[in-house]
């Protein structure tokens, strides 16, 4: 598999890179949590949200060890990989993350893989209540248009 480098932050992402980034469920959850945000979010808050979705509980009910697992893997693996690809900007000084320019290249694929997420879950509910019609509503509209 191709290694991601910081030079990709200024380039078009290859199909292999896109597939590699979206292959991991935790990375997809991080991206779902960052979608639509205008301001950077602290990694600790992001990890609570992702851990809640992974264990299908509200973020404030996440067990400490479950939160820690998400936080550590995000800091050591997932956020750096997304940052190297130019999909997120990670500010290591204040431990915040925000979507970057290359996210636009991933978003169409993220819209496709979201269909495989559990329907009766806290993640599904969060995606339904996103701004506008929600990600799942937009997918349904696109599928309906294609069927016509």
N, C-alpha and C. Protein backbone atom coordinates (compact mmCIF):
# COMPACT_ATOMS: atom_id res chain seq x y z
N UNK A 1 0.83 -1.19 0.00
CA UNK A 1 0.00 0.00 0.00
C UNK A 1 0.87 1.24 0.00
N UNK A 2 0.41 2.25 -0.69
CA UNK A 2 1.19 3.48 -0.81
C UNK A 2 1.26 4.21 0.52
N UNK A 3 2.43 4.75 0.82
CA UNK A 3 2.62 5.50 2.05
C UNK A 3 2.17 6.93 1.84
N UNK A 4 1.46 7.47 2.82
CA UNK A 4 0.98 8.84 2.74
C UNK A 4 2.08 9.79 3.16
N UNK A 5 2.20 10.88 2.44
CA UNK A 5 3.22 11.87 2.78
C UNK A 5 2.57 13.24 2.85
N UNK A 6 3.25 14.15 3.52
CA UNK A 6 2.70 15.50 3.65
C UNK A 6 2.59 16.20 2.30
N UNK A 7 3.33 15.76 1.29
CA UNK A 7 3.23 16.38 -0.03
C UNK A 7 1.87 16.13 -0.65
N UNK A 8 1.15 15.10 -0.17
CA UNK A 8 -0.17 14.82 -0.71
C UNK A 8 -1.19 15.86 -0.28
N UNK A 9 -0.86 16.67 0.69
CA UNK A 9 -1.78 17.71 1.14
C UNK A 9 -2.06 18.70 0.01
N UNK A 10 -1.17 18.77 -0.99
CA UNK A 10 -1.33 19.72 -2.08
C UNK A 10 -1.72 19.02 -3.38
N UNK A 11 -1.96 17.70 -3.34
CA UNK A 11 -2.21 16.93 -4.55
C UNK A 11 -3.56 16.24 -4.49
N UNK A 12 -3.96 15.76 -5.66
CA UNK A 12 -5.16 14.95 -5.73
C UNK A 12 -4.86 13.60 -5.10
N UNK A 13 -5.81 13.10 -4.29
CA UNK A 13 -5.62 11.81 -3.64
C UNK A 13 -5.85 10.68 -4.64
N UNK A 14 -4.99 9.67 -4.59
CA UNK A 14 -5.17 8.52 -5.47
C UNK A 14 -6.30 7.64 -4.96
N UNK A 15 -6.80 6.78 -5.82
CA UNK A 15 -7.86 5.85 -5.41
C UNK A 15 -7.37 4.97 -4.27
N UNK A 16 -6.12 4.52 -4.33
CA UNK A 16 -5.56 3.68 -3.27
C UNK A 16 -5.55 4.41 -1.93
N UNK A 17 -5.18 5.69 -1.96
CA UNK A 17 -5.14 6.48 -0.73
C UNK A 17 -6.54 6.66 -0.16
N UNK A 18 -7.49 7.00 -1.02
CA UNK A 18 -8.88 7.18 -0.57
C UNK A 18 -9.40 5.89 0.07
N UNK A 19 -9.18 4.77 -0.60
CA UNK A 19 -9.66 3.49 -0.07
C UNK A 19 -8.96 3.14 1.24
N UNK A 20 -7.66 3.42 1.33
CA UNK A 20 -6.93 3.16 2.57
C UNK A 20 -7.48 3.99 3.72
N UNK A 21 -7.74 5.26 3.45
CA UNK A 21 -8.24 6.13 4.51
C UNK A 21 -9.62 5.71 4.99
N UNK A 22 -10.47 5.27 4.09
CA UNK A 22 -11.84 4.90 4.47
C UNK A 22 -11.98 3.45 4.88
N UNK A 23 -10.92 2.66 4.77
CA UNK A 23 -10.99 1.24 5.11
C UNK A 23 -11.18 1.00 6.60
N UNK A 24 -10.76 1.94 7.40
CA UNK A 24 -10.83 1.78 8.85
C UNK A 24 -12.08 2.47 9.40
N UNK A 25 -12.90 1.71 10.13
CA UNK A 25 -14.15 2.24 10.67
C UNK A 25 -13.91 3.43 11.60
N UNK A 26 -12.90 3.36 12.44
CA UNK A 26 -12.65 4.46 13.37
C UNK A 26 -12.30 5.75 12.62
N UNK A 27 -11.54 5.64 11.53
CA UNK A 27 -11.24 6.84 10.73
C UNK A 27 -12.52 7.39 10.10
N UNK A 28 -13.39 6.50 9.64
CA UNK A 28 -14.67 6.98 9.08
C UNK A 28 -15.47 7.70 10.16
N UNK A 29 -15.51 7.16 11.36
CA UNK A 29 -16.25 7.80 12.44
C UNK A 29 -15.67 9.17 12.77
N UNK A 30 -14.35 9.28 12.75
CA UNK A 30 -13.71 10.58 12.99
C UNK A 30 -14.18 11.58 11.92
N UNK A 31 -14.23 11.14 10.69
CA UNK A 31 -14.66 12.03 9.60
C UNK A 31 -16.14 12.38 9.72
N UNK A 32 -16.97 11.41 10.10
CA UNK A 32 -18.39 11.72 10.31
C UNK A 32 -18.54 12.80 11.37
N UNK A 33 -17.77 12.68 12.44
CA UNK A 33 -17.86 13.63 13.55
C UNK A 33 -17.37 15.03 13.15
N UNK A 34 -16.47 15.09 12.21
CA UNK A 34 -15.91 16.38 11.79
C UNK A 34 -16.74 17.06 10.70
N UNK A 35 -17.56 16.30 9.98
CA UNK A 35 -18.36 16.87 8.88
C UNK A 35 -19.22 18.03 9.38
N UNK A 36 -19.25 19.08 8.58
CA UNK A 36 -20.13 20.20 8.86
C UNK A 36 -19.65 21.14 9.96
N UNK A 37 -18.52 20.86 10.56
CA UNK A 37 -18.00 21.72 11.64
C UNK A 37 -17.20 22.86 11.03
N UNK A 38 -17.45 24.05 11.52
CA UNK A 38 -16.72 25.24 11.07
C UNK A 38 -15.46 25.48 11.90
N UNK A 39 -15.50 25.06 13.16
CA UNK A 39 -14.40 25.33 14.09
C UNK A 39 -13.67 24.05 14.45
N UNK A 40 -12.40 24.17 14.81
CA UNK A 40 -11.66 22.98 15.26
C UNK A 40 -12.32 22.37 16.50
N UNK A 41 -12.16 21.06 16.63
CA UNK A 41 -12.70 20.34 17.78
C UNK A 41 -11.55 19.67 18.52
N UNK A 42 -11.63 19.67 19.84
CA UNK A 42 -10.58 19.03 20.63
C UNK A 42 -10.62 17.53 20.41
N UNK A 43 -9.44 16.93 20.36
CA UNK A 43 -9.35 15.48 20.16
C UNK A 43 -10.06 14.71 21.26
N UNK A 44 -10.06 15.22 22.48
CA UNK A 44 -10.72 14.52 23.57
C UNK A 44 -12.23 14.45 23.33
N UNK A 45 -12.81 15.53 22.86
CA UNK A 45 -14.25 15.57 22.55
C UNK A 45 -14.56 14.66 21.37
N UNK A 46 -13.71 14.70 20.37
CA UNK A 46 -13.87 13.85 19.21
C UNK A 46 -13.81 12.38 19.60
N UNK A 47 -12.86 12.03 20.46
CA UNK A 47 -12.71 10.65 20.91
C UNK A 47 -13.93 10.18 21.71
N UNK A 48 -14.50 11.06 22.52
CA UNK A 48 -15.72 10.70 23.26
C UNK A 48 -16.87 10.40 22.32
N UNK A 49 -17.02 11.23 21.29
CA UNK A 49 -18.09 11.04 20.31
C UNK A 49 -17.91 9.72 19.58
N UNK A 50 -16.71 9.46 19.10
CA UNK A 50 -16.43 8.23 18.36
C UNK A 50 -16.61 7.01 19.25
N UNK A 51 -16.12 7.06 20.46
CA UNK A 51 -16.28 5.93 21.39
C UNK A 51 -17.76 5.67 21.67
N UNK A 52 -18.53 6.72 21.80
CA UNK A 52 -19.98 6.57 21.99
C UNK A 52 -20.62 5.85 20.82
N UNK A 53 -20.25 6.25 19.60
CA UNK A 53 -20.80 5.59 18.42
C UNK A 53 -20.36 4.14 18.34
N UNK A 54 -19.10 3.88 18.65
CA UNK A 54 -18.59 2.51 18.58
C UNK A 54 -19.30 1.58 19.56
N UNK A 55 -19.66 2.12 20.72
CA UNK A 55 -20.28 1.29 21.77
C UNK A 55 -21.77 1.56 21.90
N UNK A 56 -22.29 2.39 20.98
CA UNK A 56 -23.72 2.69 20.90
C UNK A 56 -24.29 3.22 22.21
N UNK A 57 -23.56 4.17 22.77
CA UNK A 57 -24.00 4.85 23.99
C UNK A 57 -23.76 6.35 23.83
N UNK A 58 -24.46 7.18 24.60
CA UNK A 58 -24.16 8.62 24.55
C UNK A 58 -22.71 8.88 24.99
N UNK A 59 -22.08 9.92 24.45
CA UNK A 59 -20.68 10.19 24.79
C UNK A 59 -20.40 10.29 26.29
N UNK A 60 -21.34 10.81 27.07
CA UNK A 60 -21.08 10.95 28.50
C UNK A 60 -21.21 9.63 29.26
N UNK A 61 -21.61 8.55 28.56
CA UNK A 61 -21.70 7.23 29.19
C UNK A 61 -20.58 6.28 28.76
N UNK A 62 -19.63 6.79 28.00
CA UNK A 62 -18.52 5.97 27.52
C UNK A 62 -17.60 5.61 28.68
N UNK A 63 -17.27 4.32 28.78
CA UNK A 63 -16.34 3.87 29.82
C UNK A 63 -14.96 4.46 29.57
N UNK A 64 -14.22 4.69 30.64
CA UNK A 64 -12.90 5.32 30.54
C UNK A 64 -11.95 4.54 29.63
N UNK A 65 -11.94 3.21 29.75
CA UNK A 65 -11.03 2.41 28.92
C UNK A 65 -11.43 2.45 27.44
N UNK A 66 -12.74 2.56 27.15
CA UNK A 66 -13.20 2.65 25.76
C UNK A 66 -12.79 3.99 25.16
N UNK A 67 -12.96 5.05 25.94
CA UNK A 67 -12.54 6.39 25.50
C UNK A 67 -11.04 6.41 25.26
N UNK A 68 -10.28 5.86 26.20
CA UNK A 68 -8.82 5.88 26.10
C UNK A 68 -8.35 5.15 24.85
N UNK A 69 -8.98 4.03 24.53
CA UNK A 69 -8.62 3.28 23.33
C UNK A 69 -8.79 4.12 22.07
N UNK A 70 -9.92 4.81 21.98
CA UNK A 70 -10.19 5.66 20.82
C UNK A 70 -9.21 6.83 20.79
N UNK A 71 -9.01 7.47 21.93
CA UNK A 71 -8.14 8.65 21.99
C UNK A 71 -6.70 8.29 21.57
N UNK A 72 -6.18 7.23 22.15
CA UNK A 72 -4.78 6.86 21.87
C UNK A 72 -4.60 6.47 20.40
N UNK A 73 -5.50 5.66 19.87
CA UNK A 73 -5.36 5.25 18.47
C UNK A 73 -5.55 6.44 17.53
N UNK A 74 -6.41 7.37 17.93
CA UNK A 74 -6.61 8.56 17.10
C UNK A 74 -5.36 9.42 17.06
N UNK A 75 -4.76 9.63 18.22
CA UNK A 75 -3.56 10.47 18.32
C UNK A 75 -2.36 9.81 17.63
N UNK A 76 -2.21 8.50 17.84
CA UNK A 76 -1.02 7.83 17.34
C UNK A 76 -1.12 7.35 15.90
N UNK A 77 -2.34 7.12 15.41
CA UNK A 77 -2.49 6.50 14.10
C UNK A 77 -3.42 7.27 13.16
N UNK A 78 -4.69 7.34 13.52
CA UNK A 78 -5.71 7.79 12.58
C UNK A 78 -5.62 9.26 12.21
N UNK A 79 -5.49 10.14 13.18
CA UNK A 79 -5.41 11.57 12.88
C UNK A 79 -4.12 11.89 12.10
N UNK A 80 -2.97 11.35 12.48
CA UNK A 80 -1.77 11.61 11.67
C UNK A 80 -1.90 11.14 10.22
N UNK A 81 -2.54 9.99 10.02
CA UNK A 81 -2.73 9.48 8.65
C UNK A 81 -3.63 10.41 7.86
N UNK A 82 -4.72 10.88 8.46
CA UNK A 82 -5.62 11.82 7.79
C UNK A 82 -4.94 13.17 7.57
N UNK A 83 -4.13 13.59 8.53
CA UNK A 83 -3.39 14.85 8.42
C UNK A 83 -2.36 14.77 7.30
N UNK A 84 -1.63 13.68 7.22
CA UNK A 84 -0.62 13.51 6.16
C UNK A 84 -1.24 13.55 4.77
N UNK A 85 -2.49 13.09 4.66
CA UNK A 85 -3.18 13.09 3.37
C UNK A 85 -3.84 14.43 3.07
N UNK A 86 -3.78 15.37 4.03
CA UNK A 86 -4.38 16.68 3.82
C UNK A 86 -5.89 16.67 3.97
N UNK A 87 -6.43 15.64 4.63
CA UNK A 87 -7.87 15.52 4.83
C UNK A 87 -8.30 16.27 6.09
N UNK A 88 -7.43 16.31 7.09
CA UNK A 88 -7.67 17.09 8.30
C UNK A 88 -6.44 17.93 8.60
N UNK A 89 -6.64 18.97 9.36
CA UNK A 89 -5.53 19.74 9.92
C UNK A 89 -5.51 19.46 11.40
N UNK A 90 -4.39 18.97 11.89
CA UNK A 90 -4.23 18.63 13.31
C UNK A 90 -3.28 19.63 13.94
N UNK A 91 -3.76 20.37 14.91
CA UNK A 91 -2.93 21.30 15.64
C UNK A 91 -2.44 20.56 16.89
N UNK A 92 -1.19 20.14 16.86
CA UNK A 92 -0.64 19.35 17.96
C UNK A 92 -0.45 20.17 19.23
N UNK A 93 -0.31 21.47 19.09
CA UNK A 93 -0.11 22.32 20.28
C UNK A 93 -1.35 22.39 21.16
N UNK A 94 -2.53 22.54 20.54
CA UNK A 94 -3.74 22.61 21.37
C UNK A 94 -4.64 21.39 21.20
N UNK A 95 -4.13 20.36 20.53
CA UNK A 95 -4.84 19.08 20.39
C UNK A 95 -6.21 19.22 19.76
N UNK A 96 -6.28 19.98 18.64
CA UNK A 96 -7.54 20.13 17.93
C UNK A 96 -7.41 19.63 16.50
N UNK A 97 -8.56 19.34 15.91
CA UNK A 97 -8.62 18.84 14.53
C UNK A 97 -9.76 19.55 13.81
N UNK A 98 -9.57 19.78 12.52
CA UNK A 98 -10.61 20.34 11.66
C UNK A 98 -10.40 19.75 10.26
N UNK A 99 -11.48 19.67 9.50
CA UNK A 99 -11.35 19.16 8.13
C UNK A 99 -10.51 20.11 7.30
N UNK A 100 -9.75 19.53 6.37
CA UNK A 100 -8.90 20.30 5.47
C UNK A 100 -9.41 20.17 4.04
N UNK A 101 -8.73 20.81 3.12
CA UNK A 101 -9.18 20.88 1.73
C UNK A 101 -9.37 19.52 1.06
N UNK A 102 -8.50 18.56 1.32
CA UNK A 102 -8.60 17.27 0.64
C UNK A 102 -9.80 16.44 1.09
N UNK A 103 -10.51 16.87 2.13
CA UNK A 103 -11.71 16.13 2.55
C UNK A 103 -12.73 16.10 1.41
N UNK A 104 -12.78 17.17 0.62
CA UNK A 104 -13.74 17.23 -0.48
C UNK A 104 -13.57 16.04 -1.44
N UNK A 105 -12.34 15.53 -1.56
CA UNK A 105 -12.10 14.39 -2.43
C UNK A 105 -12.62 13.09 -1.82
N UNK A 106 -12.68 13.03 -0.50
CA UNK A 106 -13.15 11.82 0.21
C UNK A 106 -14.66 11.79 0.39
N UNK A 107 -15.28 12.95 0.49
CA UNK A 107 -16.69 13.01 0.88
C UNK A 107 -17.62 12.18 0.00
N UNK A 108 -17.49 12.18 -1.32
CA UNK A 108 -18.41 11.34 -2.11
C UNK A 108 -18.33 9.86 -1.73
N UNK A 109 -17.14 9.39 -1.40
CA UNK A 109 -16.96 7.99 -1.02
C UNK A 109 -17.48 7.74 0.40
N UNK A 110 -17.33 8.72 1.25
CA UNK A 110 -17.85 8.62 2.61
C UNK A 110 -19.37 8.51 2.58
N UNK A 111 -19.99 9.20 1.63
CA UNK A 111 -21.45 9.13 1.47
C UNK A 111 -21.90 7.73 1.06
N UNK A 112 -21.05 7.02 0.36
CA UNK A 112 -21.39 5.66 -0.07
C UNK A 112 -21.22 4.67 1.09
N UNK A 113 -20.10 4.73 1.78
CA UNK A 113 -19.84 3.74 2.84
C UNK A 113 -20.73 3.93 4.06
N UNK A 114 -21.33 5.11 4.23
CA UNK A 114 -22.20 5.34 5.38
C UNK A 114 -23.41 4.41 5.34
N UNK A 115 -23.76 3.94 4.15
CA UNK A 115 -24.92 3.05 4.03
C UNK A 115 -24.71 1.74 4.78
N UNK A 116 -23.48 1.38 5.06
CA UNK A 116 -23.18 0.13 5.77
C UNK A 116 -23.13 0.29 7.29
N UNK A 117 -23.35 1.50 7.78
CA UNK A 117 -23.32 1.73 9.22
C UNK A 117 -24.62 1.23 9.85
N UNK A 118 -24.57 0.79 11.11
CA UNK A 118 -25.77 0.25 11.77
C UNK A 118 -26.92 1.24 11.79
N UNK A 119 -28.12 0.77 11.40
CA UNK A 119 -29.28 1.67 11.32
C UNK A 119 -29.85 2.06 12.67
N UNK A 120 -29.88 1.16 13.61
CA UNK A 120 -30.46 1.46 14.93
C UNK A 120 -29.34 1.74 15.92
N UNK A 121 -28.66 2.85 15.71
CA UNK A 121 -27.51 3.17 16.55
C UNK A 121 -27.45 4.66 16.83
N UNK A 122 -26.61 5.02 17.78
CA UNK A 122 -26.43 6.44 18.08
C UNK A 122 -25.75 7.15 16.91
N UNK A 123 -24.90 6.44 16.16
CA UNK A 123 -24.27 7.03 14.97
C UNK A 123 -25.35 7.36 13.94
N UNK A 124 -26.22 6.41 13.68
CA UNK A 124 -27.29 6.62 12.70
C UNK A 124 -28.15 7.82 13.10
N UNK A 125 -28.50 7.90 14.37
CA UNK A 125 -29.30 9.02 14.85
C UNK A 125 -28.56 10.34 14.66
N UNK A 126 -27.26 10.36 14.93
CA UNK A 126 -26.48 11.58 14.77
C UNK A 126 -26.41 12.00 13.31
N UNK A 127 -26.25 11.04 12.42
CA UNK A 127 -26.18 11.36 11.01
C UNK A 127 -27.52 11.85 10.48
N UNK A 128 -28.61 11.37 11.06
CA UNK A 128 -29.94 11.82 10.66
C UNK A 128 -30.20 13.26 11.08
N UNK A 129 -29.63 13.69 12.20
CA UNK A 129 -29.92 15.02 12.72
C UNK A 129 -28.89 16.06 12.31
N UNK A 130 -28.02 15.71 11.35
CA UNK A 130 -27.06 16.69 10.84
C UNK A 130 -27.81 17.86 10.24
N UNK A 131 -27.08 18.94 10.02
CA UNK A 131 -27.69 20.12 9.42
C UNK A 131 -28.32 19.76 8.08
N UNK A 132 -29.36 20.46 7.72
CA UNK A 132 -30.08 20.18 6.48
C UNK A 132 -30.86 18.89 6.63
N UNK A 133 -30.89 18.11 5.57
CA UNK A 133 -31.63 16.85 5.59
C UNK A 133 -30.81 15.72 6.17
N UNK A 134 -29.58 15.96 6.51
CA UNK A 134 -28.73 14.90 7.05
C UNK A 134 -28.09 14.10 5.94
N UNK A 135 -26.99 13.47 6.24
CA UNK A 135 -26.24 12.69 5.28
C UNK A 135 -27.07 11.55 4.72
N UNK A 136 -27.78 10.84 5.60
CA UNK A 136 -28.57 9.70 5.14
C UNK A 136 -29.73 10.15 4.26
N UNK A 137 -30.33 11.28 4.58
CA UNK A 137 -31.40 11.81 3.74
C UNK A 137 -30.90 12.18 2.36
N UNK A 138 -29.71 12.75 2.29
CA UNK A 138 -29.12 13.11 1.00
C UNK A 138 -28.82 11.86 0.17
N UNK A 139 -28.36 10.80 0.83
CA UNK A 139 -28.08 9.55 0.13
C UNK A 139 -29.38 8.99 -0.45
N UNK A 140 -30.45 8.97 0.37
CA UNK A 140 -31.74 8.47 -0.11
C UNK A 140 -32.22 9.27 -1.33
N UNK A 141 -32.08 10.58 -1.29
CA UNK A 141 -32.48 11.42 -2.41
C UNK A 141 -31.69 11.07 -3.67
N UNK A 142 -30.38 10.90 -3.52
CA UNK A 142 -29.54 10.57 -4.67
C UNK A 142 -29.91 9.21 -5.25
N UNK A 143 -30.18 8.24 -4.41
CA UNK A 143 -30.56 6.90 -4.87
C UNK A 143 -31.91 6.98 -5.59
N UNK A 144 -32.85 7.75 -5.05
CA UNK A 144 -34.17 7.90 -5.68
C UNK A 144 -34.04 8.53 -7.06
N UNK A 145 -33.17 9.55 -7.18
CA UNK A 145 -32.95 10.19 -8.47
C UNK A 145 -32.36 9.23 -9.48
N UNK A 146 -31.45 8.38 -9.03
CA UNK A 146 -30.83 7.42 -9.93
C UNK A 146 -31.82 6.37 -10.42
N UNK A 147 -32.81 6.04 -9.60
CA UNK A 147 -33.80 5.02 -9.97
C UNK A 147 -34.81 5.55 -10.99
N UNK A 148 -34.93 6.88 -11.11
CA UNK A 148 -35.92 7.45 -12.04
C UNK A 148 -35.45 7.38 -13.46
